[in-house]
Amino acid sequence: MKYLHYDLDFGPHDVAQINLEVPAYVRLTDDENYVAYRQGNQYRYHGGVANASPANVKPPRPGHWHLIIDLGGKEGEIIANVHIVREKEDDKKNKRLRRTS
């Protein structure tokens, strides 16, 4: 099984932004589910099919996550560029102000 794997650490408001050359499956898993994925067992993930680029995936909580990108068993080459978009302190203040007004 061909796939790309990234070990990522997310803060509370971070989002993974994935630029893809072709549609692909983009999944975030924890350690246990990443092992299950590699072994071909059932696993849980956040994300899904990314038909457009960039694809954004936000984990349900901060911490360590595995980003997996694959073609769902189809033949082809996976070309991806991954960035973590981190919320700036000014953005946090502006969001708080908007929520309270």
C-alpha atoms as a PDB file:
ATOM      1  CA  MET A   1       0.000   0.000   0.000  1.00  0.00           C
ATOM      2  CA  LYS A   2       1.470   3.342  -1.041  1.00  0.00           C
ATOM      3  CA  TYR A   3       0.850   6.309   1.181  1.00  0.00           C
ATOM      4  CA  LEU A   4       2.446   9.446   2.546  1.00  0.00           C
ATOM      5  CA  HIS A   5       2.808   9.789   6.300  1.00  0.00           C
ATOM      6  CA  TYR A   6       3.466  12.890   8.395  1.00  0.00           C
ATOM      7  CA  ASP A   7       3.945  13.072  12.187  1.00  0.00           C
ATOM      8  CA  LEU A   8       2.359  16.336  13.277  1.00  0.00           C
ATOM      9  CA  ASP A   9       1.806  18.213  16.522  1.00  0.00           C
ATOM     10  CA  PHE A  10      -1.237  20.477  16.641  1.00  0.00           C
ATOM     11  CA  GLY A  11      -2.141  23.346  18.937  1.00  0.00           C
ATOM     12  CA  PRO A  12      -5.754  24.075  19.928  1.00  0.00           C
ATOM     13  CA  HIS A  13      -6.572  26.080  16.789  1.00  0.00           C
ATOM     14  CA  ASP A  14      -4.161  24.573  14.238  1.00  0.00           C
ATOM     15  CA  VAL A  15      -5.295  23.197  10.887  1.00  0.00           C
ATOM     16  CA  ALA A  16      -3.405  20.995   8.423  1.00  0.00           C
ATOM     17  CA  GLN A  17      -3.502  22.467   4.925  1.00  0.00           C
ATOM     18  CA  ILE A  18      -2.727  19.911   2.236  1.00  0.00           C
ATOM     19  CA  ASN A  19      -2.005  20.834  -1.384  1.00  0.00           C
ATOM     20  CA  LEU A  20      -2.555  17.878  -3.697  1.00  0.00           C
ATOM     21  CA  GLU A  21      -1.790  17.244  -7.366  1.00  0.00           C
ATOM     22  CA  VAL A  22      -4.618  14.673  -7.656  1.00  0.00           C
ATOM     23  CA  PRO A  23      -7.672  13.798  -5.521  1.00  0.00           C
ATOM     24  CA  ALA A  24      -6.659  11.672  -2.538  1.00  0.00           C
ATOM     25  CA  TYR A  25      -7.785  10.409   0.836  1.00  0.00           C
ATOM     26  CA  VAL A  26      -6.549  12.650   3.661  1.00  0.00           C
ATOM     27  CA  ARG A  27      -6.816  11.207   7.160  1.00  0.00           C
ATOM     28  CA  LEU A  28      -5.730  12.206  10.664  1.00  0.00           C
ATOM     29  CA  THR A  29      -5.305   9.362  13.150  1.00  0.00           C
ATOM     30  CA  ASP A  30      -3.953   8.924  16.639  1.00  0.00           C
ATOM     31  CA  ASP A  31      -1.132   6.460  17.368  1.00  0.00           C
ATOM     32  CA  GLU A  32      -3.372   3.426  17.927  1.00  0.00           C
ATOM     33  CA  ASN A  33      -5.376   3.981  14.750  1.00  0.00           C
ATOM     34  CA  TYR A  34      -2.258   4.616  12.681  1.00  0.00           C
ATOM     35  CA  VAL A  35      -0.937   1.180  13.698  1.00  0.00           C
ATOM     36  CA  ALA A  36      -4.299  -0.362  12.759  1.00  0.00           C
ATOM     37  CA  TYR A  37      -4.169   1.415   9.358  1.00  0.00           C
ATOM     38  CA  ARG A  38      -0.683   0.053   8.674  1.00  0.00           C
ATOM     39  CA  GLN A  39      -1.771  -3.464   9.631  1.00  0.00           C
ATOM     40  CA  GLY A  40      -4.829  -3.302   7.359  1.00  0.00           C
ATOM     41  CA  ASN A  41      -7.266  -3.416  10.275  1.00  0.00           C
ATOM     42  CA  GLN A  42     -10.275  -1.206  10.954  1.00  0.00           C
ATOM     43  CA  TYR A  43      -9.355   2.246  12.224  1.00  0.00           C
ATOM     44  CA  ARG A  44     -10.897   5.620  13.035  1.00  0.00           C
ATOM     45  CA  TYR A  45      -9.849   8.860  11.410  1.00  0.00           C
ATOM     46  CA  HIS A  46     -10.774  12.483  10.785  1.00  0.00           C
ATOM     47  CA  GLY A  47     -10.854  13.702   7.212  1.00  0.00           C
ATOM     48  CA  GLY A  48     -11.853  11.919   4.033  1.00  0.00           C
ATOM     49  CA  VAL A  49     -11.666  12.341   0.272  1.00  0.00           C
ATOM     50  CA  ALA A  50     -10.070  15.594  -0.874  1.00  0.00           C
ATOM     51  CA  ASN A  51     -11.296  16.352  -4.387  1.00  0.00           C
ATOM     52  CA  ALA A  52     -10.086  19.962  -4.331  1.00  0.00           C
ATOM     53  CA  SER A  53      -6.842  21.521  -3.243  1.00  0.00           C
ATOM     54  CA  PRO A  54      -5.975  22.805  -0.758  1.00  0.00           C
ATOM     55  CA  ALA A  55      -7.736  20.473   1.647  1.00  0.00           C
ATOM     56  CA  ASN A  56      -7.969  21.540   5.285  1.00  0.00           C
ATOM     57  CA  VAL A  57      -8.213  19.059   8.141  1.00  0.00           C
ATOM     58  CA  LYS A  58      -8.558  20.071  11.795  1.00  0.00           C
ATOM     59  CA  PRO A  59      -7.995  17.512  14.534  1.00  0.00           C
ATOM     60  CA  PRO A  60     -10.709  17.227  17.197  1.00  0.00           C
ATOM     61  CA  ARG A  61      -8.203  18.105  19.918  1.00  0.00           C
ATOM     62  CA  PRO A  62      -4.620  19.381  20.187  1.00  0.00           C
ATOM     63  CA  GLY A  63      -1.732  16.957  20.386  1.00  0.00           C
ATOM     64  CA  HIS A  64       0.182  14.462  18.285  1.00  0.00           C
ATOM     65  CA  TRP A  65      -1.492  13.155  15.106  1.00  0.00           C
ATOM     66  CA  HIS A  66      -0.559  11.094  12.065  1.00  0.00           C
ATOM     67  CA  LEU A  67      -1.543  12.541   8.696  1.00  0.00           C
ATOM     68  CA  ILE A  68      -2.014   9.812   6.092  1.00  0.00           C
ATOM     69  CA  ILE A  69      -2.493  10.568   2.398  1.00  0.00           C
ATOM     70  CA  ASP A  70      -3.307   7.755  -0.029  1.00  0.00           C
ATOM     71  CA  LEU A  71      -5.181   7.067  -3.255  1.00  0.00           C
ATOM     72  CA  GLY A  72      -7.583   4.547  -1.773  1.00  0.00           C
ATOM     73  CA  GLY A  73      -5.974   1.574  -3.496  1.00  0.00           C
ATOM     74  CA  LYS A  74      -5.853   3.208  -6.928  1.00  0.00           C
ATOM     75  CA  GLU A  75      -2.665   3.343  -8.960  1.00  0.00           C
ATOM     76  CA  GLY A  76      -0.803   6.619  -9.256  1.00  0.00           C
ATOM     77  CA  GLU A  77       1.709   8.900  -7.671  1.00  0.00           C
ATOM     78  CA  ILE A  78       0.885  10.899  -4.574  1.00  0.00           C
ATOM     79  CA  ILE A  79       2.293  14.406  -4.615  1.00  0.00           C
ATOM     80  CA  ALA A  80       1.407  16.547  -1.620  1.00  0.00           C
ATOM     81  CA  ASN A  81       2.640  19.577   0.248  1.00  0.00           C
ATOM     82  CA  VAL A  82       1.575  19.887   3.890  1.00  0.00           C
ATOM     83  CA  HIS A  83       1.559  22.986   6.095  1.00  0.00           C
ATOM     84  CA  ILE A  84       0.270  23.580   9.596  1.00  0.00           C
ATOM     85  CA  VAL A  85      -1.697  26.820   9.699  1.00  0.00           C
ATOM     86  CA  ARG A  86      -1.306  28.238  13.178  1.00  0.00           C
ATOM     87  CA  GLU A  87      -3.667  30.871  14.498  1.00  0.00           C
ATOM     88  CA  LYS A  88      -1.898  34.097  15.398  1.00  0.00           C
ATOM     89  CA  GLU A  89      -2.421  35.728  18.780  1.00  0.00           C
ATOM     90  CA  ASP A  90      -4.119  38.736  17.114  1.00  0.00           C
ATOM     91  CA  ASP A  91      -6.561  36.401  15.367  1.00  0.00           C
ATOM     92  CA  LYS A  92      -7.495  34.827  18.704  1.00  0.00           C
ATOM     93  CA  LYS A  93      -8.227  38.244  20.218  1.00  0.00           C
ATOM     94  CA  ASN A  94     -10.374  39.244  17.236  1.00  0.00           C
ATOM     95  CA  LYS A  95     -12.382  36.020  17.424  1.00  0.00           C
ATOM     96  CA  ARG A  96     -13.017  36.515  21.131  1.00  0.00           C
ATOM     97  CA  LEU A  97     -14.179  40.065  20.511  1.00  0.00           C
ATOM     98  CA  ARG A  98     -16.559  38.962  17.756  1.00  0.00           C
ATOM     99  CA  ARG A  99     -18.079  36.222  19.878  1.00  0.00           C
ATOM    100  CA  THR A 100     -18.827  38.483  22.836  1.00  0.00           C
ATOM    101  CA  SER A 101     -20.389  41.398  20.916  1.00  0.00           C
END
